[in-house]
Amino acid sequence: MKDIAKRFTENPLLSPADIPASSEGLEITCLLNPGVFKFEGKTWLLVRVAERPEQKNNIISFPILTETGTIKIIEIPKDDPELIATDARVINYKGVDYLTTLSHLRLLCSEDGRQFYEPENYPPLVGEGILETFGIEDCRVALIDGKYYLTFTSVSDNGVGVGLRTTTDWKDFEKHGMILPAHNKDCAIFEEKINGLFYALHRPSSVDIGGNYIWIASSPDGIHWGNHHCIIKTRKGLWDSKRVGAGAAPIKTDKGWLEIYHGANENHQYCLGAFLMDLNDPTKVIARTELPIMVPTTEYELSGFFGNVVFTNGHILEPDGDTVTIYYGASDEFVCGAKFSIKEIYSLLKFSHV
């Protein structure tokens, strides 16, 4: 396994104890998978905050949102024969899947990209309506023509799809509903139109024919999407054999659109890799890393709420044009930072195996 990440010595940058819960009776279980952007000269994180009630002996309890936006707590005895609770993230009760935590998105900012704090008067983003009763998760942020496009995972008992909100000031948001229906997630919009069209990577899921692959779509307006192509598949026997998904917005380079993506194997180990798309036609993948560029190795990446995980959906391209600072979720519990060299990533790309 290859690992070219230069991790911040300050990692983890954020832990569940670092910010207060959203409401009384809940505790923060995980801070993870932030969208990342620059605004007013600062680095900002749109962090996923996952909460649940303090757990009691012999009881599993978790929150959900009602259609009107109030929080309802569900409690189930652990010895209930109709309960399946083998995964820390999801349970099944009476044939219905539930998340063990309820996620919303919260803004934090930093002058140096390492010490983050919650600014005043910036509202959290929370689930709203029947398609977000299990919360919203894992936001990617793209800046296009002065407008920020926020694509995130909308979760409910109807399924998992991609929601979209837009803003120019991070205080007022326009809501565009679900732009890609269930089952879909990991949607990253390119930060530049190509031949007059918006482009986005996304990840529909299949449990029978097909698999958890990365697709690409185009749009005339950033809201209505079509012309879908499957461009990256899982690879049997490799680190990304079970599922793959896009990270943040692709990075424009002189060689093509560079995408840092996540992959997982049958043991649910999540690593990062990269692939390169044609500049003028991003439906064409021209290179891909065979080895991962980042592997869970540190204690905070190996053990946590769901260990053996590094997962990113946000980064900053530094002024030197070669350094990419990624912010990532470690073991589904912490927010961390690392730097990569684009030249080093290029050195691992295989142009003959896509």
Protein backbone atom coordinates (compact mmCIF):
# COMPACT_ATOMS: atom_id res chain seq x y z
CA MET A 1 0.00 0.00 0.00
CA LYS A 2 1.24 3.48 -0.93
CA ASP A 3 0.54 6.51 1.26
CA ILE A 4 1.77 9.93 0.14
CA ALA A 5 -0.38 12.01 2.52
CA LYS A 6 1.42 14.49 4.75
CA ARG A 7 -0.86 14.54 7.78
CA PHE A 8 -1.18 17.62 9.98
CA THR A 9 0.70 17.24 13.24
CA GLU A 10 -2.33 18.84 14.94
CA ASN A 11 -4.65 15.96 13.93
CA PRO A 12 -7.36 15.39 14.89
CA LEU A 13 -8.34 19.00 14.21
CA LEU A 14 -11.86 18.50 15.56
CA SER A 15 -13.35 15.93 17.90
CA PRO A 16 -16.93 15.47 19.16
CA ALA A 17 -16.17 17.28 22.43
CA ASP A 18 -15.01 20.43 20.62
CA ILE A 19 -18.44 21.92 19.85
CA PRO A 20 -21.78 21.85 21.69
CA ALA A 21 -24.67 19.63 20.69
CA SER A 22 -27.51 21.21 18.74
CA SER A 23 -30.13 20.65 21.44
CA GLU A 24 -30.55 19.46 25.01
CA GLY A 25 -30.79 15.71 25.39
CA LEU A 26 -28.44 14.97 22.49
CA GLU A 27 -24.70 14.37 22.42
CA ILE A 28 -22.32 14.59 19.48
CA THR A 29 -21.05 11.16 18.50
CA CYS A 30 -19.12 12.10 15.35
CA LEU A 31 -17.66 15.12 13.58
CA LEU A 32 -16.71 14.12 10.07
CA ASN A 33 -16.53 14.55 6.29
CA PRO A 34 -16.57 18.35 5.86
CA GLY A 35 -17.23 20.27 2.70
CA VAL A 36 -14.48 22.87 2.30
CA PHE A 37 -14.36 26.33 0.71
CA LYS A 38 -12.78 29.77 0.88
CA PHE A 39 -14.93 32.73 1.93
CA GLU A 40 -13.95 36.22 3.08
CA GLY A 41 -10.27 35.23 3.20
CA LYS A 42 -10.79 32.29 5.56
CA THR A 43 -10.91 28.53 5.22
CA TRP A 44 -14.36 27.18 6.04
CA LEU A 45 -15.58 23.71 6.88
CA LEU A 46 -19.18 22.60 6.52
CA VAL A 47 -18.86 19.75 8.99
CA ARG A 48 -21.23 16.83 9.33
CA VAL A 49 -22.32 16.65 12.98
CA ALA A 50 -23.85 13.30 13.97
CA GLU A 51 -25.85 13.22 17.22
CA ARG A 52 -27.84 10.80 19.33
CA PRO A 53 -29.13 10.60 22.93
CA GLU A 54 -26.76 9.36 25.60
CA GLN A 55 -27.04 5.60 25.43
CA LYS A 56 -28.54 3.63 28.32
CA ASN A 57 -27.86 0.06 29.35
CA ASN A 58 -29.76 -2.51 27.29
CA ILE A 59 -31.42 0.19 25.16
CA ILE A 60 -30.61 1.51 21.67
CA SER A 61 -31.96 5.02 21.21
CA PHE A 62 -31.67 7.33 18.23
CA PRO A 63 -33.27 10.54 16.94
CA ILE A 64 -35.22 11.16 13.75
CA LEU A 65 -36.81 14.33 12.39
CA THR A 66 -40.54 14.53 11.91
CA GLU A 67 -41.94 16.07 8.74
CA THR A 68 -42.47 19.31 10.67
CA GLY A 69 -38.81 19.45 11.77
CA THR A 70 -39.14 18.42 15.42
CA ILE A 71 -36.86 15.72 16.85
CA LYS A 72 -38.38 12.40 17.94
CA ILE A 73 -36.41 9.88 20.03
CA ILE A 74 -36.93 6.17 19.34
CA GLU A 75 -35.92 3.62 21.99
CA ILE A 76 -35.59 -0.13 21.36
CA PRO A 77 -34.52 -2.83 23.86
CA LYS A 78 -31.28 -4.46 22.70
CA ASP A 79 -32.77 -7.92 23.26
CA ASP A 80 -35.77 -7.26 21.00
CA PRO A 81 -35.85 -10.23 18.58
CA GLU A 82 -36.85 -7.92 15.71
CA LEU A 83 -33.73 -5.75 16.14
CA ILE A 84 -30.61 -6.22 13.99
CA ALA A 85 -27.78 -4.03 15.31
CA THR A 86 -24.52 -5.43 13.93
CA ASP A 87 -23.40 -2.14 12.34
CA ALA A 88 -22.55 0.96 14.43
CA ARG A 89 -24.06 3.18 11.72
CA VAL A 90 -27.33 1.48 10.77
CA ILE A 91 -29.84 -0.75 12.51
CA ASN A 92 -32.83 -2.68 11.20
CA TYR A 93 -35.99 -2.89 13.27
CA LYS A 94 -39.09 -4.73 12.13
CA GLY A 95 -37.73 -4.77 8.60
CA VAL A 96 -37.05 -1.00 8.45
CA ASP A 97 -33.56 0.55 8.36
CA TYR A 98 -32.68 3.45 10.67
CA LEU A 99 -29.51 5.46 11.21
CA THR A 100 -28.12 5.30 14.74
CA THR A 101 -27.35 9.04 14.60
CA LEU A 102 -29.03 12.14 13.14
CA SER A 103 -26.74 14.41 11.12
CA HIS A 104 -26.83 18.10 10.30
CA LEU A 105 -24.21 20.44 8.82
CA ARG A 106 -22.44 23.15 10.78
CA LEU A 107 -20.10 25.93 9.69
CA LEU A 108 -16.64 26.46 11.20
CA CYS A 109 -13.90 28.78 9.96
CA SER A 110 -10.17 29.35 10.39
CA GLU A 111 -7.57 31.97 9.61
CA ASP A 112 -4.75 29.41 9.34
CA GLY A 113 -6.57 26.30 8.14
CA ARG A 114 -5.79 24.40 11.35
CA GLN A 115 -7.50 26.11 14.29
CA PHE A 116 -11.26 26.17 13.63
CA TYR A 117 -14.08 27.86 15.51
CA GLU A 118 -17.80 28.45 15.09
CA PRO A 119 -18.49 32.02 13.91
CA GLU A 120 -21.56 33.85 15.14
CA ASN A 121 -24.71 34.37 13.06
CA TYR A 122 -24.15 31.54 10.60
CA PRO A 123 -27.03 29.06 10.86
CA PRO A 124 -26.60 25.28 10.80
CA LEU A 125 -28.11 23.40 7.88
CA VAL A 126 -30.61 20.80 9.03
CA GLY A 127 -32.86 18.26 7.38
CA GLU A 128 -36.22 19.54 6.21
CA GLY A 129 -39.26 17.68 4.93
CA ILE A 130 -40.14 14.08 4.25
CA LEU A 131 -36.96 13.26 2.29
CA GLU A 132 -34.57 14.39 5.07
CA THR A 133 -36.13 12.92 8.24
CA PHE A 134 -32.94 10.91 8.94
CA GLY A 135 -30.78 14.01 8.40
CA ILE A 136 -28.39 15.45 5.82
CA GLU A 137 -24.79 14.35 5.42
CA ASP A 138 -21.41 14.71 3.68
CA CYS A 139 -21.73 18.01 1.84
CA ARG A 140 -19.57 18.92 -1.15
CA VAL A 141 -19.19 22.64 -1.97
CA ALA A 142 -18.54 24.05 -5.45
CA LEU A 143 -18.11 27.75 -6.27
CA ILE A 144 -19.36 28.65 -9.76
CA ASP A 145 -19.83 32.21 -11.03
CA GLY A 146 -20.00 33.66 -7.51
CA LYS A 147 -22.54 31.13 -6.23
CA TYR A 148 -21.85 28.22 -3.88
CA TYR A 149 -23.52 24.92 -4.80
CA LEU A 150 -24.01 22.56 -1.85
CA THR A 151 -24.67 18.93 -2.75
CA PHE A 152 -25.33 16.63 0.18
CA THR A 153 -26.83 13.27 1.07
CA SER A 154 -30.51 13.46 2.01
CA VAL A 155 -31.58 10.48 4.13
CA SER A 156 -35.03 9.20 5.09
CA ASP A 157 -36.94 5.94 5.19
CA ASN A 158 -37.69 6.63 1.51
CA GLY A 159 -34.02 6.15 0.67
CA VAL A 160 -30.79 8.06 0.18
CA GLY A 161 -30.56 10.76 -2.50
CA VAL A 162 -28.73 13.97 -3.39
CA GLY A 163 -30.07 17.32 -2.19
CA LEU A 164 -29.00 20.76 -3.42
CA ARG A 165 -28.96 24.20 -1.80
CA THR A 166 -27.24 27.32 -3.11
CA THR A 167 -26.01 30.49 -1.42
CA THR A 168 -23.85 33.55 -1.99
CA ASP A 169 -23.41 34.67 1.65
CA TRP A 170 -23.83 31.49 3.78
CA LYS A 171 -26.74 33.04 5.65
CA ASP A 172 -29.54 32.79 3.10
CA PHE A 173 -30.02 29.60 1.11
CA GLU A 174 -32.11 28.66 -1.89
CA LYS A 175 -33.41 25.09 -1.67
CA HIS A 176 -33.66 23.04 -4.86
CA GLY A 177 -34.91 19.77 -3.38
CA MET A 178 -33.57 16.36 -4.35
CA ILE A 179 -31.72 16.59 -7.66
CA LEU A 180 -30.75 12.89 -7.90
CA PRO A 181 -33.22 10.41 -6.42
CA ALA A 182 -32.55 7.36 -4.29
CA HIS A 183 -30.31 5.51 -4.17
CA ASN A 184 -27.55 8.05 -4.87
CA LYS A 185 -24.85 9.99 -3.01
CA ASP A 186 -21.26 11.33 -3.30
CA CYS A 187 -22.23 14.10 -5.73
CA ALA A 188 -19.43 16.56 -6.61
CA ILE A 189 -20.07 19.38 -9.09
CA PHE A 190 -17.19 20.63 -11.26
CA GLU A 191 -16.30 24.26 -10.46
CA GLU A 192 -16.25 25.27 -14.11
CA LYS A 193 -18.63 24.73 -17.00
CA ILE A 194 -17.33 22.63 -19.89
CA ASN A 195 -18.64 23.47 -23.35
CA GLY A 196 -21.41 25.48 -21.70
CA LEU A 197 -22.60 22.65 -19.43
CA PHE A 198 -22.37 21.89 -15.73
CA TYR A 199 -20.85 18.50 -14.91
CA ALA A 200 -21.08 16.42 -11.74
CA LEU A 201 -19.81 13.10 -10.45
CA HIS A 202 -22.27 10.96 -8.51
CA ARG A 203 -22.68 7.45 -7.15
CA PRO A 204 -25.89 5.50 -7.72
CA SER A 205 -25.94 2.17 -5.90
CA SER A 206 -27.02 -1.27 -7.00
CA VAL A 207 -27.34 -4.39 -4.89
CA ASP A 208 -27.93 -6.82 -7.77
CA ILE A 209 -26.81 -6.03 -11.34
CA GLY A 210 -24.04 -3.45 -11.43
CA GLY A 211 -22.41 -2.06 -8.31
CA ASN A 212 -21.37 1.00 -6.34
CA TYR A 213 -19.66 2.86 -9.20
CA ILE A 214 -18.81 6.50 -9.99
CA TRP A 215 -20.94 8.09 -12.71
CA ILE A 216 -20.86 11.48 -14.43
CA ALA A 217 -23.76 13.64 -15.59
CA SER A 218 -24.22 17.01 -17.28
CA SER A 219 -26.75 19.80 -16.82
CA PRO A 220 -27.76 23.06 -18.52
CA ASP A 221 -28.49 24.81 -15.19
CA GLY A 222 -26.87 22.86 -12.34
CA ILE A 223 -30.25 21.57 -11.17
CA HIS A 224 -31.61 19.23 -13.85
CA TRP A 225 -29.18 16.42 -14.71
CA GLY A 226 -28.95 13.92 -17.57
CA ASN A 227 -26.65 12.20 -20.09
CA HIS A 228 -25.30 9.87 -17.41
CA HIS A 229 -22.17 7.76 -17.94
CA CYS A 230 -20.55 5.17 -15.66
CA ILE A 231 -16.83 6.02 -15.59
CA ILE A 232 -15.16 4.32 -12.58
CA LYS A 233 -15.92 0.78 -11.36
CA THR A 234 -14.74 -1.28 -8.42
CA ARG A 235 -11.75 -3.57 -9.02
CA LYS A 236 -11.75 -7.14 -7.74
CA GLY A 237 -8.86 -7.93 -5.44
CA LEU A 238 -7.75 -4.31 -5.01
CA TRP A 239 -8.26 -1.75 -2.24
CA ASP A 240 -11.40 -0.39 -3.98
CA SER A 241 -13.07 -3.74 -4.64
CA LYS A 242 -16.40 -3.11 -2.87
CA ARG A 243 -17.40 0.51 -3.52
CA VAL A 244 -16.04 3.76 -4.93
CA GLY A 245 -17.28 7.34 -4.63
CA ALA A 246 -16.22 10.86 -5.57
CA GLY A 247 -14.48 13.21 -3.17
CA ALA A 248 -14.74 16.97 -3.71
CA ALA A 249 -14.97 18.96 -6.97
CA PRO A 250 -12.36 17.78 -9.51
CA ILE A 251 -9.19 19.87 -9.77
CA LYS A 252 -8.40 21.38 -13.18
CA THR A 253 -4.80 20.66 -14.20
CA ASP A 254 -2.92 20.95 -17.48
CA LYS A 255 -3.16 17.16 -17.88
CA GLY A 256 -6.89 16.85 -17.14
CA TRP A 257 -9.49 16.97 -14.38
CA LEU A 258 -7.96 15.31 -11.32
CA GLU A 259 -10.35 13.66 -8.88
CA ILE A 260 -9.43 12.33 -5.44
CA TYR A 261 -11.91 9.57 -4.61
CA HIS A 262 -12.58 7.02 -1.89
CA GLY A 263 -12.71 3.28 -2.24
CA ALA A 264 -13.54 0.48 0.18
CA ASN A 265 -12.85 -3.24 0.21
CA GLU A 266 -14.82 -6.18 1.57
CA ASN A 267 -13.44 -5.49 5.05
CA HIS A 268 -14.87 -1.93 4.99
CA GLN A 269 -11.42 -0.34 4.93
CA TYR A 270 -11.72 3.08 3.26
CA CYS A 271 -8.70 4.51 1.41
CA LEU A 272 -8.19 7.37 -1.06
CA GLY A 273 -7.10 7.15 -4.69
CA ALA A 274 -7.18 9.37 -7.77
CA PHE A 275 -8.20 9.37 -11.41
CA LEU A 276 -7.83 11.79 -14.32
CA MET A 277 -10.52 12.87 -16.80
CA ASP A 278 -10.13 14.52 -20.20
CA LEU A 279 -10.26 18.33 -20.00
CA ASN A 280 -12.75 18.76 -22.84
CA ASP A 281 -14.75 15.57 -22.32
CA PRO A 282 -14.72 14.47 -18.67
CA THR A 283 -16.76 11.37 -19.50
CA LYS A 284 -13.40 9.96 -20.67
CA VAL A 285 -11.14 8.64 -17.88
CA ILE A 286 -7.54 8.69 -19.08
CA ALA A 287 -5.66 7.52 -15.98
CA ARG A 288 -6.22 6.02 -12.52
CA THR A 289 -4.07 5.07 -9.55
CA GLU A 290 -3.68 1.37 -8.99
CA LEU A 291 -2.41 1.86 -5.44
CA PRO A 292 -4.19 4.13 -2.95
CA ILE A 293 -2.65 7.51 -2.17
CA MET A 294 -3.82 7.43 1.46
CA VAL A 295 -4.45 4.48 3.78
CA PRO A 296 -5.76 4.47 7.39
CA THR A 297 -2.61 4.15 9.50
CA THR A 298 -2.80 6.41 12.57
CA GLU A 299 -4.66 5.61 15.77
CA TYR A 300 -7.38 8.19 15.05
CA GLU A 301 -7.93 6.64 11.58
CA LEU A 302 -7.92 3.04 12.77
CA SER A 303 -10.16 3.29 15.84
CA GLY A 304 -13.24 5.41 16.41
CA PHE A 305 -16.98 5.27 15.77
CA PHE A 306 -16.34 3.18 12.61
CA GLY A 307 -12.64 2.46 12.36
CA ASN A 308 -10.21 1.91 9.49
CA VAL A 309 -11.58 4.86 7.50
CA VAL A 310 -10.21 7.94 5.72
CA PHE A 311 -12.88 9.78 3.72
CA THR A 312 -12.73 13.17 2.06
CA ASN A 313 -15.25 15.41 0.33
CA GLY A 314 -13.42 18.73 0.69
CA HIS A 315 -10.11 20.30 -0.24
CA ILE A 316 -8.28 23.56 -0.97
CA LEU A 317 -5.87 24.01 -3.88
CA GLU A 318 -2.99 26.06 -2.49
CA PRO A 319 -1.50 29.08 -4.37
CA ASP A 320 1.58 27.12 -5.50
CA GLY A 321 -0.70 25.13 -7.82
CA ASP A 322 0.77 21.80 -6.69
CA THR A 323 -0.28 21.43 -3.05
CA VAL A 324 -3.78 20.18 -2.25
CA THR A 325 -4.89 20.43 1.38
CA ILE A 326 -7.61 17.89 2.04
CA TYR A 327 -9.81 17.80 5.10
CA TYR A 328 -11.10 14.35 5.86
CA GLY A 329 -13.12 12.26 8.23
CA ALA A 330 -11.09 9.71 10.23
CA SER A 331 -12.82 6.58 11.57
CA ASP A 332 -16.19 8.33 11.11
CA GLU A 333 -15.50 10.38 14.25
CA PHE A 334 -12.84 13.06 13.75
CA VAL A 335 -12.01 15.85 11.28
CA CYS A 336 -8.37 15.85 10.17
CA GLY A 337 -6.14 17.51 7.59
CA ALA A 338 -3.40 16.39 5.19
CA LYS A 339 -1.47 17.74 2.24
CA PHE A 340 -0.77 16.12 -1.12
CA SER A 341 1.46 17.04 -4.04
CA ILE A 342 -0.31 16.85 -7.41
CA LYS A 343 3.01 15.88 -9.00
CA GLU A 344 3.29 12.94 -6.59
CA ILE A 345 -0.27 11.88 -7.41
CA TYR A 346 0.62 12.07 -11.14
CA SER A 347 3.53 9.72 -10.50
CA LEU A 348 1.10 7.04 -9.29
CA LEU A 349 -1.40 7.39 -12.17
CA LYS A 350 -1.53 4.48 -14.62
CA PHE A 351 -2.53 5.71 -18.06
CA SER A 352 -2.93 2.20 -19.48
CA HIS A 353 -5.30 0.88 -16.80
CA VAL A 354 -8.46 2.91 -16.24
